[in-house]
Amino acid sequence: MARATDASGATQPLAEDWNPSGYLWNVVQQVRVEAGVERPAPRPQPAEIPTFPAKVKEACIGCHEADIIAGQRITRAQWDREINKMTGWGATVQQADRNEILDFLAQHFGPR
């Protein structure tokens, strides 16, 4: 069970009050845990992250680690929006380098 307490010390009730609409439902959350659960399958090994070209390093790696970028798995259009967002926050991407950066990100970190 997980029971919330606010700053004034008020806690959630253990039993819910009748609430036909379901609004502002406020009761202690219960989760059933069962013994004897099988071990999960081993996690697949992460793919090796390719070497980032200098232009991508300059644009991205100053703020983000390579594994964060590699974990995105988004489309070229989504990478384009990410570059727009990051340049809006101060990242430097030369217009002449933009397509090369997009090509690299989409090729290596696009959807699988």
N, C-alpha and C. Protein backbone atom coordinates (compact mmCIF):
# COMPACT_ATOMS: atom_id res chain seq x y z
N MET A 1 0.84 -1.18 0.00
CA MET A 1 0.00 0.00 0.00
C MET A 1 0.89 1.24 0.00
N ALA A 2 0.38 2.27 -0.62
CA ALA A 2 1.08 3.55 -0.62
C ALA A 2 0.08 4.60 -0.16
N ARG A 3 0.42 5.30 0.92
CA ARG A 3 -0.50 6.28 1.50
C ARG A 3 0.15 7.66 1.48
N ALA A 4 -0.53 8.61 0.89
CA ALA A 4 0.00 9.97 0.79
C ALA A 4 -0.35 10.78 2.03
N THR A 5 0.58 11.66 2.42
CA THR A 5 0.37 12.59 3.52
C THR A 5 0.77 13.98 3.03
N ASP A 6 -0.08 14.97 3.26
CA ASP A 6 0.26 16.32 2.80
C ASP A 6 1.04 17.08 3.87
N ALA A 7 1.40 18.31 3.56
CA ALA A 7 2.24 19.12 4.44
C ALA A 7 1.58 19.39 5.80
N SER A 8 0.26 19.39 5.84
CA SER A 8 -0.43 19.64 7.12
C SER A 8 -0.60 18.37 7.95
N GLY A 9 -0.20 17.22 7.41
CA GLY A 9 -0.30 15.95 8.13
C GLY A 9 -1.54 15.15 7.82
N ALA A 10 -2.41 15.65 6.93
CA ALA A 10 -3.61 14.90 6.54
C ALA A 10 -3.20 13.73 5.66
N THR A 11 -3.78 12.55 5.92
CA THR A 11 -3.44 11.36 5.15
C THR A 11 -4.66 10.85 4.38
N GLN A 12 -4.39 10.07 3.36
CA GLN A 12 -5.47 9.46 2.58
C GLN A 12 -6.19 8.43 3.44
N PRO A 13 -7.51 8.29 3.24
CA PRO A 13 -8.25 7.27 3.98
C PRO A 13 -7.91 5.87 3.46
N LEU A 14 -8.09 4.88 4.35
CA LEU A 14 -7.84 3.49 3.95
C LEU A 14 -8.99 2.92 3.15
N ALA A 15 -10.19 3.41 3.38
CA ALA A 15 -11.37 2.95 2.63
C ALA A 15 -11.94 4.13 1.87
N GLU A 16 -12.33 3.89 0.62
CA GLU A 16 -12.84 4.99 -0.19
C GLU A 16 -14.28 5.34 0.16
N ASP A 17 -14.60 6.61 0.07
CA ASP A 17 -15.98 7.06 0.21
C ASP A 17 -16.70 6.81 -1.11
N TRP A 18 -18.01 6.58 -1.04
CA TRP A 18 -18.77 6.36 -2.26
C TRP A 18 -18.68 7.62 -3.11
N ASN A 19 -18.29 7.44 -4.37
CA ASN A 19 -18.09 8.57 -5.28
C ASN A 19 -18.55 8.12 -6.66
N PRO A 20 -19.83 8.27 -6.98
CA PRO A 20 -20.36 7.71 -8.23
C PRO A 20 -19.73 8.29 -9.49
N SER A 21 -19.23 9.51 -9.44
CA SER A 21 -18.63 10.10 -10.63
C SER A 21 -17.15 9.76 -10.77
N GLY A 22 -16.50 9.38 -9.69
CA GLY A 22 -15.08 9.05 -9.75
C GLY A 22 -14.16 10.24 -9.68
N TYR A 23 -14.70 11.45 -9.49
CA TYR A 23 -13.85 12.64 -9.42
C TYR A 23 -13.16 12.71 -8.07
N LEU A 24 -11.94 13.22 -8.08
CA LEU A 24 -11.16 13.42 -6.85
C LEU A 24 -11.10 12.16 -6.00
N TRP A 25 -10.93 11.03 -6.64
CA TRP A 25 -10.84 9.75 -5.94
C TRP A 25 -9.64 9.80 -5.02
N ASN A 26 -9.85 9.56 -3.75
CA ASN A 26 -8.79 9.72 -2.76
C ASN A 26 -8.82 8.54 -1.80
N VAL A 27 -7.96 7.58 -2.05
CA VAL A 27 -7.88 6.41 -1.19
C VAL A 27 -6.48 5.83 -1.30
N VAL A 28 -6.06 5.10 -0.29
CA VAL A 28 -4.75 4.45 -0.32
C VAL A 28 -4.70 3.47 -1.49
N GLN A 29 -3.64 3.52 -2.25
CA GLN A 29 -3.47 2.62 -3.39
C GLN A 29 -2.96 1.27 -2.91
N GLN A 30 -3.55 0.21 -3.42
CA GLN A 30 -3.13 -1.14 -3.06
C GLN A 30 -2.64 -1.87 -4.31
N VAL A 31 -1.55 -2.61 -4.15
CA VAL A 31 -0.99 -3.40 -5.24
C VAL A 31 -0.73 -4.80 -4.72
N ARG A 32 -1.21 -5.80 -5.46
CA ARG A 32 -0.99 -7.19 -5.04
C ARG A 32 0.39 -7.64 -5.52
N VAL A 33 1.13 -8.26 -4.62
CA VAL A 33 2.44 -8.82 -4.95
C VAL A 33 2.36 -10.31 -4.71
N GLU A 34 2.72 -11.09 -5.73
CA GLU A 34 2.64 -12.53 -5.60
C GLU A 34 4.04 -13.13 -5.56
N ALA A 35 4.23 -14.09 -4.66
CA ALA A 35 5.51 -14.77 -4.55
C ALA A 35 5.66 -15.78 -5.68
N GLY A 36 6.89 -16.17 -5.95
CA GLY A 36 7.15 -17.20 -6.94
C GLY A 36 7.15 -16.69 -8.37
N VAL A 37 7.32 -15.43 -8.56
CA VAL A 37 7.35 -14.87 -9.91
C VAL A 37 8.65 -15.28 -10.58
N GLU A 38 8.56 -15.67 -11.84
CA GLU A 38 9.75 -16.10 -12.57
C GLU A 38 10.68 -14.94 -12.82
N ARG A 39 11.95 -15.27 -12.96
CA ARG A 39 12.94 -14.25 -13.29
C ARG A 39 12.67 -13.71 -14.69
N PRO A 40 12.88 -12.42 -14.86
CA PRO A 40 12.70 -11.88 -16.21
C PRO A 40 13.81 -12.37 -17.14
N ALA A 41 13.51 -12.37 -18.41
CA ALA A 41 14.51 -12.77 -19.40
C ALA A 41 15.68 -11.78 -19.33
N PRO A 42 16.89 -12.25 -19.63
CA PRO A 42 18.02 -11.32 -19.61
C PRO A 42 17.80 -10.18 -20.59
N ARG A 43 18.23 -9.00 -20.19
CA ARG A 43 18.09 -7.83 -21.04
C ARG A 43 19.04 -7.94 -22.22
N PRO A 44 18.58 -7.55 -23.40
CA PRO A 44 19.48 -7.59 -24.55
C PRO A 44 20.62 -6.58 -24.36
N GLN A 45 21.77 -6.94 -24.85
CA GLN A 45 22.92 -6.05 -24.76
C GLN A 45 22.68 -4.84 -25.66
N PRO A 46 23.01 -3.66 -25.15
CA PRO A 46 22.81 -2.48 -25.99
C PRO A 46 23.73 -2.52 -27.21
N ALA A 47 23.21 -2.00 -28.31
CA ALA A 47 24.01 -1.94 -29.52
C ALA A 47 25.15 -0.96 -29.31
N GLU A 48 26.24 -1.19 -29.98
CA GLU A 48 27.37 -0.29 -29.87
C GLU A 48 27.02 1.05 -30.51
N ILE A 49 27.37 2.11 -29.83
CA ILE A 49 27.07 3.45 -30.33
C ILE A 49 28.15 3.84 -31.33
N PRO A 50 27.75 4.24 -32.54
CA PRO A 50 28.75 4.60 -33.55
C PRO A 50 29.50 5.87 -33.15
N THR A 51 30.64 6.05 -33.76
CA THR A 51 31.42 7.26 -33.54
C THR A 51 30.68 8.46 -34.11
N PHE A 52 30.57 9.50 -33.32
CA PHE A 52 29.87 10.69 -33.77
C PHE A 52 30.81 11.55 -34.61
N PRO A 53 30.33 12.01 -35.78
CA PRO A 53 31.13 12.95 -36.57
C PRO A 53 31.36 14.24 -35.77
N ALA A 54 32.41 14.96 -36.10
CA ALA A 54 32.77 16.18 -35.38
C ALA A 54 31.61 17.17 -35.32
N LYS A 55 30.88 17.32 -36.42
CA LYS A 55 29.78 18.30 -36.45
C LYS A 55 28.67 17.92 -35.48
N VAL A 56 28.40 16.63 -35.34
CA VAL A 56 27.38 16.18 -34.40
C VAL A 56 27.89 16.37 -32.98
N LYS A 57 29.16 16.05 -32.73
CA LYS A 57 29.73 16.26 -31.40
C LYS A 57 29.62 17.72 -30.99
N GLU A 58 29.99 18.60 -31.90
CA GLU A 58 29.94 20.03 -31.60
C GLU A 58 28.53 20.49 -31.28
N ALA A 59 27.56 19.96 -32.01
CA ALA A 59 26.18 20.41 -31.85
C ALA A 59 25.47 19.77 -30.65
N CYS A 60 25.82 18.52 -30.33
CA CYS A 60 25.01 17.75 -29.38
C CYS A 60 25.73 17.34 -28.09
N ILE A 61 26.96 16.87 -28.22
CA ILE A 61 27.61 16.21 -27.10
C ILE A 61 27.99 17.17 -25.97
N GLY A 62 28.02 18.45 -26.23
CA GLY A 62 28.31 19.39 -25.16
C GLY A 62 27.27 19.34 -24.04
N CYS A 63 26.04 19.03 -24.40
CA CYS A 63 24.94 18.99 -23.42
C CYS A 63 24.43 17.58 -23.14
N HIS A 64 24.59 16.67 -24.10
CA HIS A 64 24.02 15.32 -23.97
C HIS A 64 25.10 14.27 -24.13
N GLU A 65 25.00 13.20 -23.36
CA GLU A 65 25.89 12.05 -23.55
C GLU A 65 25.40 11.28 -24.77
N ALA A 66 26.32 10.55 -25.39
CA ALA A 66 25.99 9.80 -26.60
C ALA A 66 24.87 8.79 -26.37
N ASP A 67 24.84 8.16 -25.19
CA ASP A 67 23.82 7.14 -24.94
C ASP A 67 22.41 7.75 -24.85
N ILE A 68 22.31 8.99 -24.42
CA ILE A 68 21.00 9.65 -24.38
C ILE A 68 20.49 9.87 -25.81
N ILE A 69 21.38 10.31 -26.67
CA ILE A 69 21.03 10.52 -28.07
C ILE A 69 20.69 9.19 -28.74
N ALA A 70 21.52 8.18 -28.49
CA ALA A 70 21.33 6.87 -29.11
C ALA A 70 20.02 6.22 -28.68
N GLY A 71 19.54 6.54 -27.51
CA GLY A 71 18.31 5.92 -27.01
C GLY A 71 17.03 6.51 -27.53
N GLN A 72 17.11 7.57 -28.33
CA GLN A 72 15.89 8.25 -28.77
C GLN A 72 15.08 7.45 -29.76
N ARG A 73 15.69 6.92 -30.80
CA ARG A 73 14.99 6.12 -31.82
C ARG A 73 13.78 6.85 -32.39
N ILE A 74 14.03 8.02 -32.98
CA ILE A 74 12.94 8.82 -33.55
C ILE A 74 13.18 9.04 -35.05
N THR A 75 12.16 9.45 -35.74
CA THR A 75 12.23 9.62 -37.19
C THR A 75 13.05 10.86 -37.56
N ARG A 76 13.37 10.96 -38.85
CA ARG A 76 14.11 12.13 -39.33
C ARG A 76 13.33 13.42 -39.04
N ALA A 77 12.02 13.40 -39.28
CA ALA A 77 11.21 14.59 -39.00
C ALA A 77 11.25 14.94 -37.52
N GLN A 78 11.23 13.95 -36.66
CA GLN A 78 11.31 14.21 -35.22
C GLN A 78 12.70 14.73 -34.83
N TRP A 79 13.76 14.20 -35.47
CA TRP A 79 15.11 14.73 -35.22
C TRP A 79 15.18 16.18 -35.67
N ASP A 80 14.54 16.49 -36.79
CA ASP A 80 14.53 17.87 -37.27
C ASP A 80 13.89 18.79 -36.23
N ARG A 81 12.76 18.35 -35.66
CA ARG A 81 12.10 19.14 -34.61
C ARG A 81 12.99 19.26 -33.37
N GLU A 82 13.71 18.19 -33.03
CA GLU A 82 14.63 18.24 -31.89
C GLU A 82 15.73 19.27 -32.12
N ILE A 83 16.27 19.29 -33.33
CA ILE A 83 17.32 20.28 -33.65
C ILE A 83 16.74 21.69 -33.54
N ASN A 84 15.54 21.90 -34.04
CA ASN A 84 14.90 23.21 -33.91
C ASN A 84 14.75 23.60 -32.44
N LYS A 85 14.31 22.64 -31.63
CA LYS A 85 14.11 22.91 -30.21
C LYS A 85 15.44 23.25 -29.54
N MET A 86 16.47 22.45 -29.83
CA MET A 86 17.77 22.66 -29.18
C MET A 86 18.44 23.96 -29.62
N THR A 87 18.30 24.31 -30.90
CA THR A 87 18.87 25.59 -31.34
C THR A 87 18.11 26.75 -30.70
N GLY A 88 16.84 26.55 -30.46
CA GLY A 88 16.07 27.57 -29.75
C GLY A 88 16.54 27.75 -28.32
N TRP A 89 17.13 26.69 -27.75
CA TRP A 89 17.65 26.75 -26.39
C TRP A 89 19.14 27.11 -26.37
N GLY A 90 19.71 27.40 -27.55
CA GLY A 90 21.08 27.88 -27.57
C GLY A 90 22.11 26.98 -28.22
N ALA A 91 21.73 25.79 -28.67
CA ALA A 91 22.69 24.92 -29.36
C ALA A 91 23.09 25.57 -30.68
N THR A 92 24.34 25.37 -31.07
CA THR A 92 24.84 25.96 -32.31
C THR A 92 24.87 24.90 -33.40
N VAL A 93 24.08 25.10 -34.43
CA VAL A 93 24.07 24.22 -35.60
C VAL A 93 24.14 25.12 -36.83
N GLN A 94 25.24 24.98 -37.55
CA GLN A 94 25.39 25.77 -38.78
C GLN A 94 24.40 25.24 -39.82
N GLN A 95 23.73 26.12 -40.51
CA GLN A 95 22.75 25.72 -41.52
C GLN A 95 23.37 24.78 -42.56
N ALA A 96 24.63 25.03 -42.91
CA ALA A 96 25.30 24.19 -43.90
C ALA A 96 25.52 22.76 -43.39
N ASP A 97 25.55 22.58 -42.08
CA ASP A 97 25.80 21.26 -41.47
C ASP A 97 24.52 20.52 -41.09
N ARG A 98 23.41 21.21 -41.15
CA ARG A 98 22.15 20.65 -40.63
C ARG A 98 21.77 19.32 -41.28
N ASN A 99 21.81 19.23 -42.61
CA ASN A 99 21.42 17.98 -43.28
C ASN A 99 22.37 16.84 -42.95
N GLU A 100 23.65 17.14 -42.84
CA GLU A 100 24.61 16.09 -42.47
C GLU A 100 24.32 15.56 -41.06
N ILE A 101 24.01 16.46 -40.15
CA ILE A 101 23.67 16.05 -38.78
C ILE A 101 22.37 15.24 -38.79
N LEU A 102 21.38 15.72 -39.50
CA LEU A 102 20.10 15.00 -39.60
C LEU A 102 20.29 13.61 -40.22
N ASP A 103 21.09 13.52 -41.27
CA ASP A 103 21.34 12.23 -41.92
C ASP A 103 21.95 11.24 -40.93
N PHE A 104 22.94 11.70 -40.18
CA PHE A 104 23.60 10.82 -39.21
C PHE A 104 22.62 10.37 -38.13
N LEU A 105 21.89 11.31 -37.54
CA LEU A 105 20.96 10.96 -36.46
C LEU A 105 19.86 10.02 -36.96
N ALA A 106 19.29 10.32 -38.13
CA ALA A 106 18.21 9.48 -38.65
C ALA A 106 18.70 8.09 -39.03
N GLN A 107 19.89 8.00 -39.59
CA GLN A 107 20.44 6.71 -40.02
C GLN A 107 20.77 5.83 -38.82
N HIS A 108 21.41 6.40 -37.81
CA HIS A 108 21.89 5.59 -36.70
C HIS A 108 20.91 5.50 -35.53
N PHE A 109 20.05 6.51 -35.37
CA PHE A 109 19.17 6.55 -34.20
C PHE A 109 17.73 6.77 -34.60
N GLY A 110 17.34 6.22 -35.73
CA GLY A 110 15.96 6.24 -36.17
C GLY A 110 15.22 5.04 -35.62
N PRO A 111 13.95 4.93 -35.94
CA PRO A 111 13.18 3.77 -35.47
C PRO A 111 13.78 2.47 -35.97
N ARG A 112 13.66 1.46 -35.18
CA ARG A 112 14.18 0.13 -35.57
C ARG A 112 13.14 -0.67 -36.26
